[in-house]
C-alpha atoms as a PDB file:
ATOM      1  CA  THR A   1     -39.270 -22.120 -27.345  1.00  0.00           C
ATOM      2  CA  MET A   2     -39.104 -25.483 -25.608  1.00  0.00           C
ATOM      3  CA  LEU A   3     -35.761 -24.480 -24.166  1.00  0.00           C
ATOM      4  CA  LEU A   4     -37.123 -21.133 -23.061  1.00  0.00           C
ATOM      5  CA  LEU A   5     -40.116 -22.807 -21.476  1.00  0.00           C
ATOM      6  CA  LEU A   6     -37.898 -25.288 -19.680  1.00  0.00           C
ATOM      7  CA  SER A   7     -35.571 -22.615 -18.391  1.00  0.00           C
ATOM      8  CA  SER A   8     -38.507 -20.576 -17.168  1.00  0.00           C
ATOM      9  CA  LEU A   9     -39.879 -23.621 -15.360  1.00  0.00           C
ATOM     10  CA  ILE A  10     -36.481 -24.179 -13.774  1.00  0.00           C
ATOM     11  CA  LEU A  11     -36.430 -20.520 -12.759  1.00  0.00           C
ATOM     12  CA  VAL A  12     -39.857 -20.879 -11.193  1.00  0.00           C
ATOM     13  CA  ALA A  13     -38.636 -23.925  -9.274  1.00  0.00           C
ATOM     14  CA  LEU A  14     -35.565 -22.033  -8.066  1.00  0.00           C
ATOM     15  CA  ALA A  15     -37.598 -18.973  -7.153  1.00  0.00           C
ATOM     16  CA  SER A  16     -39.539 -20.948  -4.601  1.00  0.00           C
ATOM     17  CA  VAL A  17     -36.430 -21.725  -2.551  1.00  0.00           C
ATOM     18  CA  CYS A  18     -34.341 -18.597  -2.999  1.00  0.00           C
ATOM     19  CA  GLY A  19     -34.292 -15.713  -0.575  1.00  0.00           C
ATOM     20  CA  ARG A  20     -34.818 -17.901   2.493  1.00  0.00           C
ATOM     21  CA  PRO A  21     -31.532 -18.511   4.318  1.00  0.00           C
ATOM     22  CA  SER A  22     -31.091 -21.782   6.203  1.00  0.00           C
ATOM     23  CA  TYR A  23     -29.142 -19.796   8.790  1.00  0.00           C
ATOM     24  CA  ARG A  24     -31.288 -17.056  10.331  1.00  0.00           C
ATOM     25  CA  SER A  25     -29.725 -13.695  10.844  1.00  0.00           C
ATOM     26  CA  THR A  26     -30.910 -12.103  14.141  1.00  0.00           C
ATOM     27  CA  GLY A  27     -20.974  -3.965   4.368  1.00  0.00           C
ATOM     28  CA  ARG A  28     -18.464  -2.970   6.492  1.00  0.00           C
ATOM     29  CA  VAL A  29     -20.244  -1.912   6.900  1.00  0.00           C
ATOM     30  CA  VAL A  30     -19.661   0.994   9.292  1.00  0.00           C
ATOM     31  CA  ASN A  31     -21.004   0.490  12.845  1.00  0.00           C
ATOM     32  CA  GLY A  32     -22.459  -2.808  11.734  1.00  0.00           C
ATOM     33  CA  GLU A  33     -22.016  -6.176  13.371  1.00  0.00           C
ATOM     34  CA  ASP A  34     -20.693  -9.595  12.486  1.00  0.00           C
ATOM     35  CA  ALA A  35     -23.340 -11.352  10.420  1.00  0.00           C
ATOM     36  CA  VAL A  36     -24.594 -14.756  11.509  1.00  0.00           C
ATOM     37  CA  PRO A  37     -22.470 -17.129   9.372  1.00  0.00           C
ATOM     38  CA  TYR A  38     -24.170 -17.965   6.035  1.00  0.00           C
ATOM     39  CA  SER A  39     -27.281 -15.931   6.874  1.00  0.00           C
ATOM     40  CA  TRP A  40     -26.837 -14.043   3.559  1.00  0.00           C
ATOM     41  CA  PRO A  41     -26.066 -17.147   1.487  1.00  0.00           C
ATOM     42  CA  TRP A  42     -26.164 -15.304  -1.856  1.00  0.00           C
ATOM     43  CA  GLN A  43     -23.408 -12.884  -0.761  1.00  0.00           C
ATOM     44  CA  VAL A  44     -20.212 -13.338  -2.762  1.00  0.00           C
ATOM     45  CA  SER A  45     -16.724 -11.901  -2.608  1.00  0.00           C
ATOM     46  CA  LEU A  46     -15.566 -10.660  -6.015  1.00  0.00           C
ATOM     47  CA  GLN A  47     -11.786 -10.856  -6.172  1.00  0.00           C
ATOM     48  CA  TYR A  48      -9.202  -9.679  -8.710  1.00  0.00           C
ATOM     49  CA  GLU A  49      -5.809 -11.182  -9.476  1.00  0.00           C
ATOM     50  CA  LYS A  50      -2.578  -9.294  -8.869  1.00  0.00           C
ATOM     51  CA  ASP A  51       0.860 -10.929  -9.051  1.00  0.00           C
ATOM     52  CA  GLY A  52      -0.636 -14.398  -8.716  1.00  0.00           C
ATOM     53  CA  ASP A  53      -2.788 -13.654  -5.653  1.00  0.00           C
ATOM     54  CA  PHE A  54      -6.462 -12.756  -5.480  1.00  0.00           C
ATOM     55  CA  TYR A  55      -7.756  -9.791  -3.468  1.00  0.00           C
ATOM     56  CA  HIS A  56     -11.281  -8.874  -2.358  1.00  0.00           C
ATOM     57  CA  THR A  57     -12.508  -5.848  -4.280  1.00  0.00           C
ATOM     58  CA  CYS A  58     -16.316  -5.937  -4.161  1.00  0.00           C
ATOM     59  CA  GLY A  59     -19.377  -7.804  -3.065  1.00  0.00           C
ATOM     60  CA  GLY A  60     -22.020  -9.348  -5.265  1.00  0.00           C
ATOM     61  CA  SER A  61     -25.182 -11.454  -5.187  1.00  0.00           C
ATOM     62  CA  LEU A  62     -25.628 -14.904  -6.697  1.00  0.00           C
ATOM     63  CA  ILE A  63     -28.854 -14.598  -8.721  1.00  0.00           C
ATOM     64  CA  ALA A  64     -28.599 -17.815 -10.775  1.00  0.00           C
ATOM     65  CA  PRO A  65     -26.315 -20.840 -10.351  1.00  0.00           C
ATOM     66  CA  ASP A  66     -23.813 -19.292 -12.759  1.00  0.00           C
ATOM     67  CA  TRP A  67     -24.568 -15.554 -12.566  1.00  0.00           C
ATOM     68  CA  VAL A  68     -23.514 -12.882 -10.077  1.00  0.00           C
ATOM     69  CA  LEU A  69     -25.000  -9.392  -9.875  1.00  0.00           C
ATOM     70  CA  THR A  70     -22.559  -6.628  -8.921  1.00  0.00           C
ATOM     71  CA  ALA A  71     -21.748  -2.975  -9.638  1.00  0.00           C
ATOM     72  CA  ALA A  72     -20.343  -1.724 -12.934  1.00  0.00           C
ATOM     73  CA  HIS A  73     -17.650   0.260 -11.115  1.00  0.00           C
ATOM     74  CA  CYS A  74     -16.304  -3.012  -9.695  1.00  0.00           C
ATOM     75  CA  ILE A  75     -15.420  -4.348 -13.147  1.00  0.00           C
ATOM     76  CA  SER A  76     -12.347  -3.533 -15.213  1.00  0.00           C
ATOM     77  CA  SER A  77     -11.920  -5.360 -18.514  1.00  0.00           C
ATOM     78  CA  SER A  78      -8.151  -5.514 -17.950  1.00  0.00           C
ATOM     79  CA  ARG A  79      -8.418  -7.549 -14.737  1.00  0.00           C
ATOM     80  CA  THR A  80      -8.864 -11.245 -14.065  1.00  0.00           C
ATOM     81  CA  TYR A  81     -11.566 -12.127 -11.536  1.00  0.00           C
ATOM     82  CA  GLN A  82     -12.766 -14.985  -9.421  1.00  0.00           C
ATOM     83  CA  VAL A  83     -15.821 -15.263  -7.201  1.00  0.00           C
ATOM     84  CA  VAL A  84     -15.869 -16.846  -3.738  1.00  0.00           C
ATOM     85  CA  LEU A  85     -19.216 -18.247  -2.557  1.00  0.00           C
ATOM     86  CA  GLY A  86     -20.032 -19.702   0.842  1.00  0.00           C
ATOM     87  CA  GLU A  87     -17.547 -17.311   2.433  1.00  0.00           C
ATOM     88  CA  TYR A  88     -17.834 -15.953   5.974  1.00  0.00           C
ATOM     89  CA  ASP A  89     -14.449 -15.403   7.638  1.00  0.00           C
ATOM     90  CA  ARG A  90     -11.984 -14.484   4.897  1.00  0.00           C
ATOM     91  CA  ALA A  91      -9.047 -15.326   7.189  1.00  0.00           C
ATOM     92  CA  GLU A  92     -10.134 -18.941   7.714  1.00  0.00           C
ATOM     93  CA  LYS A  93     -10.680 -21.929   5.444  1.00  0.00           C
ATOM     94  CA  GLU A  94     -14.019 -22.973   6.869  1.00  0.00           C
ATOM     95  CA  GLY A  95     -15.092 -25.624   4.388  1.00  0.00           C
ATOM     96  CA  PRO A  96     -18.147 -24.316   2.511  1.00  0.00           C
ATOM     97  CA  GLU A  97     -16.178 -21.916   0.286  1.00  0.00           C
ATOM     98  CA  GLN A  98     -16.509 -22.351  -3.454  1.00  0.00           C
ATOM     99  CA  VAL A  99     -13.938 -20.535  -5.566  1.00  0.00           C
ATOM    100  CA  ILE A 100     -15.101 -20.150  -9.158  1.00  0.00           C
ATOM    101  CA  PRO A 101     -13.008 -18.506 -11.891  1.00  0.00           C
ATOM    102  CA  VAL A 102     -14.529 -15.966 -14.249  1.00  0.00           C
ATOM    103  CA  ASN A 103     -13.645 -16.034 -17.940  1.00  0.00           C
ATOM    104  CA  ARG A 104     -12.716 -12.783 -19.676  1.00  0.00           C
ATOM    105  CA  ASP A 105     -15.860 -12.979 -21.807  1.00  0.00           C
ATOM    106  CA  GLY A 106     -18.020 -13.417 -18.682  1.00  0.00           C
ATOM    107  CA  LEU A 107     -18.100  -9.717 -17.739  1.00  0.00           C
ATOM    108  CA  PHE A 108     -21.210  -7.735 -18.715  1.00  0.00           C
ATOM    109  CA  VAL A 109     -21.264  -4.064 -17.731  1.00  0.00           C
ATOM    110  CA  HIS A 110     -24.379  -1.984 -18.445  1.00  0.00           C
ATOM    111  CA  SER A 111     -23.884  -0.051 -21.691  1.00  0.00           C
ATOM    112  CA  GLY A 112     -25.216   3.103 -20.021  1.00  0.00           C
ATOM    113  CA  TRP A 113     -22.501   3.107 -17.352  1.00  0.00           C
ATOM    114  CA  ASN A 114     -20.068   6.036 -17.410  1.00  0.00           C
ATOM    115  CA  SER A 115     -17.164   5.603 -15.010  1.00  0.00           C
ATOM    116  CA  ASN A 116     -16.671   9.385 -14.897  1.00  0.00           C
ATOM    117  CA  CYS A 117     -20.221   9.914 -13.674  1.00  0.00           C
ATOM    118  CA  VAL A 118     -21.343   7.574 -10.905  1.00  0.00           C
ATOM    119  CA  ALA A 119     -24.339   9.832 -10.245  1.00  0.00           C
ATOM    120  CA  CYS A 120     -25.551   9.273 -13.812  1.00  0.00           C
ATOM    121  CA  GLY A 121     -26.673   5.799 -12.771  1.00  0.00           C
ATOM    122  CA  ASN A 122     -26.547   2.384 -14.481  1.00  0.00           C
ATOM    123  CA  ASP A 123     -23.929   1.199 -11.970  1.00  0.00           C
ATOM    124  CA  ILE A 124     -24.774  -2.449 -12.546  1.00  0.00           C
ATOM    125  CA  ALA A 125     -22.982  -5.438 -14.033  1.00  0.00           C
ATOM    126  CA  LEU A 126     -23.375  -9.188 -14.395  1.00  0.00           C
ATOM    127  CA  VAL A 127     -20.587 -11.729 -14.043  1.00  0.00           C
ATOM    128  CA  LYS A 128     -20.979 -15.158 -15.619  1.00  0.00           C
ATOM    129  CA  LEU A 129     -19.183 -17.884 -13.671  1.00  0.00           C
ATOM    130  CA  SER A 130     -17.100 -20.420 -15.584  1.00  0.00           C
ATOM    131  CA  HIS A 131     -19.209 -23.177 -14.020  1.00  0.00           C
ATOM    132  CA  SER A 132     -22.329 -23.335 -11.883  1.00  0.00           C
ATOM    133  CA  ALA A 133     -22.241 -23.012  -8.118  1.00  0.00           C
ATOM    134  CA  GLN A 134     -23.296 -25.929  -5.924  1.00  0.00           C
ATOM    135  CA  LEU A 135     -26.377 -24.724  -4.074  1.00  0.00           C
ATOM    136  CA  GLY A 136     -27.060 -25.806  -0.485  1.00  0.00           C
ATOM    137  CA  ASP A 137     -27.379 -24.394   3.015  1.00  0.00           C
ATOM    138  CA  THR A 138     -24.416 -22.042   2.698  1.00  0.00           C
ATOM    139  CA  VAL A 139     -24.825 -21.019  -0.946  1.00  0.00           C
ATOM    140  CA  GLN A 140     -28.277 -19.975  -2.145  1.00  0.00           C
ATOM    141  CA  LEU A 141     -29.773 -17.754  -4.808  1.00  0.00           C
ATOM    142  CA  ALA A 142     -30.940 -14.231  -4.136  1.00  0.00           C
ATOM    143  CA  ARG A 143     -34.478 -13.269  -5.012  1.00  0.00           C
ATOM    144  CA  LEU A 144     -34.941 -10.129  -7.071  1.00  0.00           C
ATOM    145  CA  PRO A 145     -37.914  -7.811  -6.526  1.00  0.00           C
ATOM    146  CA  PRO A 146     -40.660  -7.490  -9.132  1.00  0.00           C
ATOM    147  CA  ALA A 147     -39.922  -4.958 -11.886  1.00  0.00           C
ATOM    148  CA  GLY A 148     -40.657  -1.390 -10.827  1.00  0.00           C
ATOM    149  CA  ASP A 149     -41.037  -2.255  -7.149  1.00  0.00           C
ATOM    150  CA  ILE A 150     -40.387   0.780  -4.916  1.00  0.00           C
ATOM    151  CA  LEU A 151     -39.798   0.349  -1.195  1.00  0.00           C
ATOM    152  CA  PRO A 152     -41.568   2.653   1.255  1.00  0.00           C
ATOM    153  CA  ASN A 153     -39.569   5.034   3.439  1.00  0.00           C
ATOM    154  CA  GLU A 154     -38.020   3.354   6.515  1.00  0.00           C
ATOM    155  CA  THR A 155     -38.216  -0.206   5.124  1.00  0.00           C
ATOM    156  CA  PRO A 156     -35.752  -2.125   7.362  1.00  0.00           C
ATOM    157  CA  CYS A 157     -33.147  -3.380   4.881  1.00  0.00           C
ATOM    158  CA  TYR A 158     -29.689  -4.789   5.612  1.00  0.00           C
ATOM    159  CA  ILE A 159     -26.449  -4.108   3.828  1.00  0.00           C
ATOM    160  CA  SER A 160     -23.902  -6.911   3.980  1.00  0.00           C
ATOM    161  CA  GLY A 161     -20.276  -7.026   2.956  1.00  0.00           C
ATOM    162  CA  TRP A 162     -16.586  -7.139   3.754  1.00  0.00           C
ATOM    163  CA  GLY A 163     -16.106  -3.408   3.155  1.00  0.00           C
ATOM    164  CA  ARG A 164     -14.048  -1.096   5.356  1.00  0.00           C
ATOM    165  CA  LEU A 165     -15.065  -0.775   8.994  1.00  0.00           C
ATOM    166  CA  TYR A 166     -14.763   3.023   8.799  1.00  0.00           C
ATOM    167  CA  THR A 167     -13.486   5.630   6.335  1.00  0.00           C
ATOM    168  CA  ASN A 168      -9.956   4.582   5.231  1.00  0.00           C
ATOM    169  CA  GLY A 169     -10.158   1.816   7.840  1.00  0.00           C
ATOM    170  CA  PRO A 170      -9.307  -1.876   7.560  1.00  0.00           C
ATOM    171  CA  LEU A 171     -11.290  -4.576   5.796  1.00  0.00           C
ATOM    172  CA  PRO A 172     -12.849  -7.051   8.259  1.00  0.00           C
ATOM    173  CA  ASP A 173     -12.299 -10.796   8.057  1.00  0.00           C
ATOM    174  CA  LYS A 174     -15.888 -11.687   8.965  1.00  0.00           C
ATOM    175  CA  LEU A 175     -18.890 -10.724   6.881  1.00  0.00           C
ATOM    176  CA  GLN A 176     -20.564  -7.636   8.331  1.00  0.00           C
ATOM    177  CA  GLN A 177     -24.181  -6.548   8.241  1.00  0.00           C
ATOM    178  CA  ALA A 178     -25.956  -3.360   9.253  1.00  0.00           C
ATOM    179  CA  LEU A 179     -29.566  -2.292   9.401  1.00  0.00           C
ATOM    180  CA  LEU A 180     -30.061   0.509   6.870  1.00  0.00           C
ATOM    181  CA  PRO A 181     -33.622   1.849   6.733  1.00  0.00           C
ATOM    182  CA  VAL A 182     -34.670   2.971   3.257  1.00  0.00           C
ATOM    183  CA  VAL A 183     -34.750   6.716   2.605  1.00  0.00           C
ATOM    184  CA  ASP A 184     -37.298   7.289  -0.157  1.00  0.00           C
ATOM    185  CA  TYR A 185     -36.546   9.387  -3.251  1.00  0.00           C
ATOM    186  CA  GLU A 186     -38.608  12.317  -1.967  1.00  0.00           C
ATOM    187  CA  HIS A 187     -36.322  12.655   1.067  1.00  0.00           C
ATOM    188  CA  CYS A 188     -33.050  11.543  -0.501  1.00  0.00           C
ATOM    189  CA  SER A 189     -33.267  14.003  -3.415  1.00  0.00           C
ATOM    190  CA  GLN A 190     -33.671  17.051  -1.155  1.00  0.00           C
ATOM    191  CA  TRP A 191     -30.937  19.630  -1.732  1.00  0.00           C
ATOM    192  CA  ASP A 192     -29.227  19.105   1.644  1.00  0.00           C
ATOM    193  CA  TRP A 193     -29.344  15.305   1.193  1.00  0.00           C
ATOM    194  CA  TRP A 194     -28.126  13.943  -2.158  1.00  0.00           C
ATOM    195  CA  GLY A 195     -29.951  16.466  -4.345  1.00  0.00           C
ATOM    196  CA  PHE A 196     -29.504  15.870  -8.084  1.00  0.00           C
ATOM    197  CA  SER A 197     -26.912  13.144  -7.461  1.00  0.00           C
ATOM    198  CA  VAL A 198     -29.617  10.603  -6.694  1.00  0.00           C
ATOM    199  CA  LYS A 199     -31.798   9.331  -9.546  1.00  0.00           C
ATOM    200  CA  LYS A 200     -35.086   7.483  -9.527  1.00  0.00           C
ATOM    201  CA  THR A 201     -33.188   4.361 -10.643  1.00  0.00           C
ATOM    202  CA  MET A 202     -31.403   4.354  -7.276  1.00  0.00           C
ATOM    203  CA  VAL A 203     -32.300   3.460  -3.691  1.00  0.00           C
ATOM    204  CA  CYS A 204     -30.962   5.345  -0.669  1.00  0.00           C
ATOM    205  CA  ALA A 205     -30.647   3.663   2.722  1.00  0.00           C
ATOM    206  CA  GLY A 206     -29.137   4.647   6.053  1.00  0.00           C
ATOM    207  CA  GLY A 207     -27.728   8.131   6.430  1.00  0.00           C
ATOM    208  CA  ASP A 208     -27.009   8.145  10.120  1.00  0.00           C
ATOM    209  CA  ILE A 209     -24.274   6.246  11.969  1.00  0.00           C
ATOM    210  CA  ARG A 210     -24.436   3.094   9.833  1.00  0.00           C
ATOM    211  CA  SER A 211     -23.424   2.920   6.207  1.00  0.00           C
ATOM    212  CA  GLY A 212     -21.662   1.044   3.480  1.00  0.00           C
ATOM    213  CA  CYS A 213     -17.985   1.698   2.827  1.00  0.00           C
ATOM    214  CA  ASN A 214     -15.310   0.892   0.258  1.00  0.00           C
ATOM    215  CA  GLY A 215     -15.263  -2.849  -0.394  1.00  0.00           C
ATOM    216  CA  ASP A 216     -19.027  -3.201   0.116  1.00  0.00           C
ATOM    217  CA  SER A 217     -19.557  -2.009  -3.467  1.00  0.00           C
ATOM    218  CA  GLY A 218     -21.558  -4.327  -5.672  1.00  0.00           C
ATOM    219  CA  GLY A 219     -22.995  -6.178  -2.691  1.00  0.00           C
ATOM    220  CA  PRO A 220     -26.648  -6.507  -1.817  1.00  0.00           C
ATOM    221  CA  LEU A 221     -29.190  -4.365  -0.043  1.00  0.00           C
ATOM    222  CA  ASN A 222     -31.289  -7.154   1.468  1.00  0.00           C
ATOM    223  CA  CYS A 223     -34.906  -6.199   2.129  1.00  0.00           C
ATOM    224  CA  PRO A 224     -37.777  -8.157   3.678  1.00  0.00           C
ATOM    225  CA  ALA A 225     -40.610  -9.263   1.407  1.00  0.00           C
ATOM    226  CA  GLU A 226     -44.180  -9.703   2.644  1.00  0.00           C
ATOM    227  CA  ASP A 227     -43.890 -13.500   2.544  1.00  0.00           C
ATOM    228  CA  GLY A 228     -40.988 -13.473   4.992  1.00  0.00           C
ATOM    229  CA  SER A 229     -38.241 -14.041   2.425  1.00  0.00           C
ATOM    230  CA  TRP A 230     -35.490 -11.568   1.499  1.00  0.00           C
ATOM    231  CA  GLN A 231     -35.138  -9.752  -1.789  1.00  0.00           C
ATOM    232  CA  VAL A 232     -32.051  -7.968  -3.116  1.00  0.00           C
ATOM    233  CA  HIS A 233     -33.378  -4.485  -3.873  1.00  0.00           C
ATOM    234  CA  GLY A 234     -30.067  -2.725  -4.270  1.00  0.00           C
ATOM    235  CA  VAL A 235     -26.512  -3.033  -5.587  1.00  0.00           C
ATOM    236  CA  THR A 236     -24.164  -0.939  -3.433  1.00  0.00           C
ATOM    237  CA  SER A 237     -23.009   1.986  -5.572  1.00  0.00           C
ATOM    238  CA  PHE A 238     -21.628   5.024  -3.736  1.00  0.00           C
ATOM    239  CA  VAL A 239     -21.183   6.860  -0.440  1.00  0.00           C
ATOM    240  CA  SER A 240     -20.273  10.462   0.341  1.00  0.00           C
ATOM    241  CA  SER A 241     -16.789  11.709  -0.538  1.00  0.00           C
ATOM    242  CA  TYR A 242     -16.767  13.225   2.975  1.00  0.00           C
ATOM    243  CA  GLY A 243     -16.672   9.734   4.446  1.00  0.00           C
ATOM    244  CA  CYS A 244     -18.699   6.579   4.669  1.00  0.00           C
ATOM    245  CA  ASN A 245     -21.151   7.558   7.379  1.00  0.00           C
ATOM    246  CA  THR A 246     -22.079  11.180   6.796  1.00  0.00           C
ATOM    247  CA  LEU A 247     -25.348  12.595   8.095  1.00  0.00           C
ATOM    248  CA  LYS A 248     -27.976  13.073   5.356  1.00  0.00           C
ATOM    249  CA  LYS A 249     -25.750  11.199   2.904  1.00  0.00           C
ATOM    250  CA  PRO A 250     -27.232   7.694   2.942  1.00  0.00           C
ATOM    251  CA  THR A 251     -25.507   4.889   1.099  1.00  0.00           C
ATOM    252  CA  VAL A 252     -26.771   4.893  -2.501  1.00  0.00           C
ATOM    253  CA  PHE A 253     -27.625   1.691  -4.325  1.00  0.00           C
ATOM    254  CA  THR A 254     -28.548   0.873  -7.910  1.00  0.00           C
ATOM    255  CA  ARG A 255     -32.261   0.002  -7.730  1.00  0.00           C
ATOM    256  CA  VAL A 256     -32.478  -3.585  -8.956  1.00  0.00           C
ATOM    257  CA  SER A 257     -36.185  -3.315  -9.819  1.00  0.00           C
ATOM    258  CA  ALA A 258     -35.310  -0.696 -12.461  1.00  0.00           C
ATOM    259  CA  PHE A 259     -33.096  -3.214 -14.279  1.00  0.00           C
ATOM    260  CA  ASN A 260     -35.078  -6.487 -14.317  1.00  0.00           C
ATOM    261  CA  ALA A 261     -35.409  -6.404 -18.114  1.00  0.00           C
ATOM    262  CA  TRP A 262     -31.696  -5.705 -18.573  1.00  0.00           C
ATOM    263  CA  ILE A 263     -30.740  -8.548 -16.220  1.00  0.00           C
ATOM    264  CA  GLU A 264     -33.114 -10.999 -17.900  1.00  0.00           C
ATOM    265  CA  GLY A 265     -31.870  -9.963 -21.364  1.00  0.00           C
ATOM    266  CA  ILE A 266     -28.186 -10.449 -20.576  1.00  0.00           C
ATOM    267  CA  ILE A 267     -28.794 -13.875 -19.017  1.00  0.00           C
ATOM    268  CA  ALA A 268     -31.103 -15.027 -21.835  1.00  0.00           C
ATOM    269  CA  ASN A 269     -28.581 -14.028 -24.535  1.00  0.00           C
ATOM    270  CA  ASN A 270     -25.461 -15.406 -22.871  1.00  0.00           C
END
């Protein structure tokens, strides 16, 4: 219990500094804009190895010094992964980057995830880093919302990521961000929106000209908290098969506040 108490005290200490970037921001993100460098300091690039090189596949959020939150559909047990923190322009070595390998036994996909049914939910996974990240101005921890927290319609959240700039388009070098207002469940579950495809364990955001796109998956939906900090309310999950920015088809995220207990359990037991 002493250990548990200590770790909870450490978590409390960390919680006071997380969610407040040192670099103020004034995934792709389609019709987004270049983010201010390091203004989403918990954003990571999850990369897989192929023929000796590593390639960006998904985003993620650093939620503890050695844990990254991402989407279940980003993880394949047959692949080898690494995580890059402190990244901004993927084409440049800028200095703050931290490249941390992931061990095979460091991949934790939600047991309720079914890769043949994205709309069934549980598109969430945790990745344990082989060593802890060095925290500082360019690499910080994300704050998670309180369990069960539901955002009101039109909450001004931001998606961030290195996903495609448009449907089937190129991946950008620089981290992108876009303002995606939340679309509440009542609206998003209407038949001409996402209908039955959206569950109450999901968050919808956007649905006009801005959206997430392939490569943003697993990355954060960053939402303002009342105290002026940012909380990661969503893990980017899916967009419309008709294309990334389709009217009435907002980007759909796994709702983090539905999985607090799962996240805490995995971290506590591993």
